[in-house]
N, C-alpha and C. Protein backbone atom coordinates (compact mmCIF):
# COMPACT_ATOMS: atom_id res chain seq x y z
N MET A 1 125.67 146.88 83.79
CA MET A 1 125.07 145.61 83.43
C MET A 1 126.14 144.52 83.34
N GLU A 2 127.29 144.91 82.84
CA GLU A 2 128.38 143.96 82.68
C GLU A 2 128.89 143.45 84.03
N LYS A 3 128.97 144.36 84.99
CA LYS A 3 129.44 143.98 86.33
C LYS A 3 128.43 143.07 87.04
N ILE A 4 127.14 143.32 86.83
CA ILE A 4 126.12 142.49 87.46
C ILE A 4 126.21 141.06 86.93
N LEU A 5 126.38 140.93 85.63
CA LEU A 5 126.52 139.60 85.03
C LEU A 5 127.79 138.92 85.53
N LEU A 6 128.86 139.68 85.67
CA LEU A 6 130.12 139.13 86.18
C LEU A 6 129.95 138.64 87.62
N ILE A 7 129.24 139.38 88.43
CA ILE A 7 129.00 138.97 89.82
C ILE A 7 128.14 137.71 89.88
N ILE A 8 127.11 137.64 89.06
CA ILE A 8 126.24 136.45 89.05
C ILE A 8 127.00 135.22 88.60
N VAL A 9 127.79 135.33 87.54
CA VAL A 9 128.58 134.20 87.05
C VAL A 9 129.61 133.80 88.10
N SER A 10 130.23 134.76 88.75
CA SER A 10 131.23 134.46 89.78
C SER A 10 130.61 133.72 90.95
N ILE A 11 129.42 134.12 91.36
CA ILE A 11 128.76 133.45 92.48
C ILE A 11 128.41 132.01 92.11
N ILE A 12 127.88 131.81 90.91
CA ILE A 12 127.54 130.45 90.48
C ILE A 12 128.77 129.57 90.42
N LEU A 13 129.85 130.06 89.84
CA LEU A 13 131.09 129.27 89.75
C LEU A 13 131.71 129.04 91.12
N ALA A 14 131.60 130.02 92.01
CA ALA A 14 132.15 129.86 93.36
C ALA A 14 131.39 128.81 94.14
N VAL A 15 130.06 128.78 94.01
CA VAL A 15 129.27 127.75 94.68
C VAL A 15 129.66 126.37 94.16
N TRP A 16 129.84 126.26 92.86
CA TRP A 16 130.25 125.00 92.25
C TRP A 16 131.64 124.58 92.76
N ALA A 17 132.56 125.53 92.87
CA ALA A 17 133.91 125.23 93.37
C ALA A 17 133.87 124.82 94.84
N VAL A 18 133.07 125.50 95.65
CA VAL A 18 132.96 125.15 97.06
C VAL A 18 132.39 123.75 97.22
N TYR A 19 131.39 123.40 96.41
CA TYR A 19 130.84 122.05 96.47
C TYR A 19 131.89 121.01 96.06
N SER A 20 132.71 121.36 95.11
CA SER A 20 133.79 120.45 94.71
C SER A 20 134.77 120.24 95.86
N PHE A 21 135.12 121.31 96.56
CA PHE A 21 136.02 121.18 97.71
C PHE A 21 135.34 120.44 98.86
N TYR A 22 134.02 120.61 99.00
CA TYR A 22 133.28 119.86 100.01
C TYR A 22 133.37 118.36 99.75
N LEU A 23 133.28 117.97 98.49
CA LEU A 23 133.37 116.54 98.16
C LEU A 23 134.74 115.95 98.50
N ILE A 24 135.77 116.78 98.50
CA ILE A 24 137.11 116.29 98.83
C ILE A 24 137.17 115.87 100.30
N PHE A 25 136.58 116.67 101.18
CA PHE A 25 136.70 116.42 102.61
C PHE A 25 135.53 115.62 103.19
N LYS A 26 134.52 115.35 102.37
CA LYS A 26 133.36 114.59 102.83
C LYS A 26 133.76 113.13 103.03
N LYS A 27 133.27 112.54 104.08
CA LYS A 27 133.52 111.13 104.35
C LYS A 27 132.70 110.29 103.38
N TYR A 28 133.32 109.40 102.67
CA TYR A 28 132.64 108.57 101.68
C TYR A 28 131.95 107.39 102.36
N THR A 29 130.70 107.14 101.97
CA THR A 29 129.97 105.96 102.44
C THR A 29 129.49 105.18 101.23
N GLU A 30 129.22 103.92 101.44
CA GLU A 30 128.79 103.06 100.34
C GLU A 30 127.44 103.47 99.77
N SER A 31 126.61 104.13 100.56
CA SER A 31 125.28 104.49 100.09
C SER A 31 125.27 105.78 99.28
N ASP A 32 126.43 106.44 99.10
CA ASP A 32 126.48 107.67 98.32
C ASP A 32 126.12 107.38 96.87
N ASP A 33 125.24 108.20 96.32
CA ASP A 33 124.84 108.08 94.93
C ASP A 33 125.77 108.92 94.07
N PRO A 34 126.52 108.32 93.15
CA PRO A 34 127.47 109.11 92.36
C PRO A 34 126.78 110.11 91.43
N LEU A 35 125.53 109.88 91.08
CA LEU A 35 124.82 110.81 90.20
C LEU A 35 123.93 111.77 90.96
N LEU A 36 123.99 111.74 92.29
CA LEU A 36 123.23 112.63 93.16
C LEU A 36 121.73 112.51 92.94
N GLY A 37 121.27 111.33 92.54
CA GLY A 37 119.84 111.08 92.41
C GLY A 37 119.20 111.65 91.18
N THR A 38 119.98 112.10 90.22
CA THR A 38 119.40 112.68 89.02
C THR A 38 119.11 111.60 87.99
N ASP A 39 118.11 111.83 87.20
CA ASP A 39 117.83 110.94 86.08
C ASP A 39 118.60 111.45 84.87
N THR A 40 119.23 110.53 84.16
CA THR A 40 120.05 110.92 83.02
C THR A 40 119.53 110.25 81.76
N PHE A 41 120.12 110.63 80.66
CA PHE A 41 119.77 110.02 79.39
C PHE A 41 120.28 108.59 79.36
N ILE A 42 119.66 107.74 78.58
CA ILE A 42 120.04 106.33 78.51
C ILE A 42 121.47 106.17 78.00
N LEU A 43 121.89 107.02 77.07
CA LEU A 43 123.26 106.92 76.55
C LEU A 43 124.27 107.24 77.64
N LEU A 44 123.98 108.24 78.45
CA LEU A 44 124.87 108.59 79.56
C LEU A 44 124.90 107.47 80.59
N ASP A 45 123.76 106.85 80.84
CA ASP A 45 123.71 105.72 81.77
C ASP A 45 124.58 104.56 81.28
N LEU A 46 124.53 104.28 80.00
CA LEU A 46 125.36 103.22 79.43
C LEU A 46 126.85 103.56 79.53
N LEU A 47 127.18 104.80 79.29
CA LEU A 47 128.58 105.23 79.40
C LEU A 47 129.07 105.09 80.84
N ILE A 48 128.27 105.51 81.80
CA ILE A 48 128.66 105.41 83.21
C ILE A 48 128.77 103.95 83.63
N ALA A 49 127.87 103.11 83.14
CA ALA A 49 127.93 101.68 83.46
C ALA A 49 129.20 101.05 82.90
N ALA A 50 129.59 101.43 81.69
CA ALA A 50 130.82 100.89 81.09
C ALA A 50 132.05 101.35 81.86
N ILE A 51 132.08 102.61 82.24
CA ILE A 51 133.22 103.13 83.01
C ILE A 51 133.29 102.46 84.37
N SER A 52 132.15 102.26 85.00
CA SER A 52 132.12 101.59 86.31
C SER A 52 132.59 100.15 86.20
N TRP A 53 132.20 99.46 85.15
CA TRP A 53 132.63 98.08 84.96
C TRP A 53 134.14 98.00 84.78
N ILE A 54 134.72 98.90 83.99
CA ILE A 54 136.17 98.93 83.80
C ILE A 54 136.86 99.30 85.12
N ASP A 55 136.28 100.25 85.83
CA ASP A 55 136.84 100.68 87.11
C ASP A 55 136.91 99.53 88.12
N GLU A 56 135.86 98.76 88.20
CA GLU A 56 135.83 97.66 89.18
C GLU A 56 136.89 96.62 88.88
N ARG A 57 137.22 96.44 87.64
CA ARG A 57 138.22 95.44 87.27
C ARG A 57 139.66 95.94 87.46
N CYS A 58 139.87 97.25 87.36
CA CYS A 58 141.24 97.78 87.35
C CYS A 58 141.70 98.40 88.66
N TYR A 59 140.81 98.98 89.42
CA TYR A 59 141.23 99.75 90.59
C TYR A 59 140.54 99.25 91.86
N SER A 60 141.25 99.43 92.98
CA SER A 60 140.65 99.12 94.28
C SER A 60 139.74 100.28 94.69
N ASP A 61 138.94 100.07 95.72
CA ASP A 61 138.03 101.12 96.19
C ASP A 61 138.78 102.35 96.68
N PHE A 62 139.87 102.13 97.40
CA PHE A 62 140.65 103.25 97.92
C PHE A 62 141.20 104.10 96.77
N THR A 63 141.70 103.44 95.73
CA THR A 63 142.26 104.16 94.58
C THR A 63 141.18 104.96 93.87
N LYS A 64 139.99 104.39 93.71
CA LYS A 64 138.89 105.10 93.06
C LYS A 64 138.49 106.35 93.85
N ILE A 65 138.43 106.22 95.16
CA ILE A 65 138.06 107.37 95.99
C ILE A 65 139.12 108.46 95.92
N MET A 66 140.39 108.07 95.95
CA MET A 66 141.46 109.06 95.88
C MET A 66 141.50 109.75 94.51
N LEU A 67 141.27 109.00 93.44
CA LEU A 67 141.22 109.61 92.11
C LEU A 67 140.06 110.59 92.00
N PHE A 68 138.90 110.22 92.55
CA PHE A 68 137.75 111.12 92.54
C PHE A 68 138.06 112.40 93.30
N LYS A 69 138.69 112.28 94.46
CA LYS A 69 139.03 113.46 95.25
C LYS A 69 140.07 114.32 94.53
N LEU A 70 141.01 113.69 93.84
CA LEU A 70 141.99 114.45 93.07
C LEU A 70 141.32 115.21 91.94
N PHE A 71 140.41 114.57 91.23
CA PHE A 71 139.70 115.25 90.15
C PHE A 71 138.85 116.40 90.69
N CYS A 72 138.25 116.22 91.86
CA CYS A 72 137.47 117.30 92.48
C CYS A 72 138.36 118.48 92.84
N LEU A 73 139.55 118.20 93.35
CA LEU A 73 140.49 119.27 93.68
C LEU A 73 140.90 120.03 92.43
N ILE A 74 141.25 119.30 91.38
CA ILE A 74 141.66 119.95 90.13
C ILE A 74 140.51 120.78 89.57
N TRP A 75 139.28 120.24 89.57
CA TRP A 75 138.13 120.96 89.05
C TRP A 75 137.85 122.23 89.87
N GLY A 76 137.94 122.13 91.18
CA GLY A 76 137.74 123.31 92.02
C GLY A 76 138.78 124.39 91.75
N LEU A 77 140.03 123.98 91.57
CA LEU A 77 141.09 124.96 91.27
C LEU A 77 140.90 125.58 89.89
N ILE A 78 140.43 124.81 88.93
CA ILE A 78 140.16 125.35 87.60
C ILE A 78 139.04 126.40 87.68
N LEU A 79 138.00 126.11 88.45
CA LEU A 79 136.90 127.07 88.60
C LEU A 79 137.37 128.35 89.28
N ILE A 80 138.16 128.22 90.33
CA ILE A 80 138.70 129.41 91.02
C ILE A 80 139.58 130.21 90.07
N GLY A 81 140.41 129.53 89.29
CA GLY A 81 141.24 130.22 88.30
C GLY A 81 140.41 130.92 87.24
N PHE A 82 139.32 130.30 86.82
CA PHE A 82 138.44 130.90 85.83
C PHE A 82 137.77 132.16 86.39
N ILE A 83 137.37 132.11 87.65
CA ILE A 83 136.78 133.30 88.30
C ILE A 83 137.81 134.42 88.35
N ALA A 84 139.04 134.09 88.74
CA ALA A 84 140.10 135.10 88.81
C ALA A 84 140.38 135.68 87.43
N MET A 85 140.37 134.83 86.39
CA MET A 85 140.60 135.30 85.03
C MET A 85 139.47 136.24 84.59
N LEU A 86 138.23 135.89 84.93
CA LEU A 86 137.11 136.76 84.56
C LEU A 86 137.23 138.13 85.21
N TRP A 87 137.59 138.16 86.49
CA TRP A 87 137.72 139.44 87.17
C TRP A 87 138.92 140.23 86.66
N GLY A 88 139.95 139.51 86.19
CA GLY A 88 141.10 140.19 85.62
C GLY A 88 140.81 140.79 84.25
N LEU A 89 139.95 140.13 83.50
CA LEU A 89 139.61 140.63 82.16
C LEU A 89 138.62 141.79 82.19
N PHE A 90 137.72 141.76 83.17
CA PHE A 90 136.69 142.80 83.22
C PHE A 90 136.99 143.71 84.37
């Protein structure tokens, strides 16, 4: 039972990591929705609006895209490391 749960968690995390790496190499277009079309809570919407407003004032578009890709790379590597740690522990 423990191994089945480990396999399921590993698959879910691996899909998430692959999607993160996909976002790194995906060509960015202006019509891309940063929230992927999901509806969020009003508090989260306000937080995202505040961050976007600060972002527009401080960074150029190229810098924002490169920072996003860097964060995606780091997140994907963290997920891969977490999968390796899980398999090492069990």
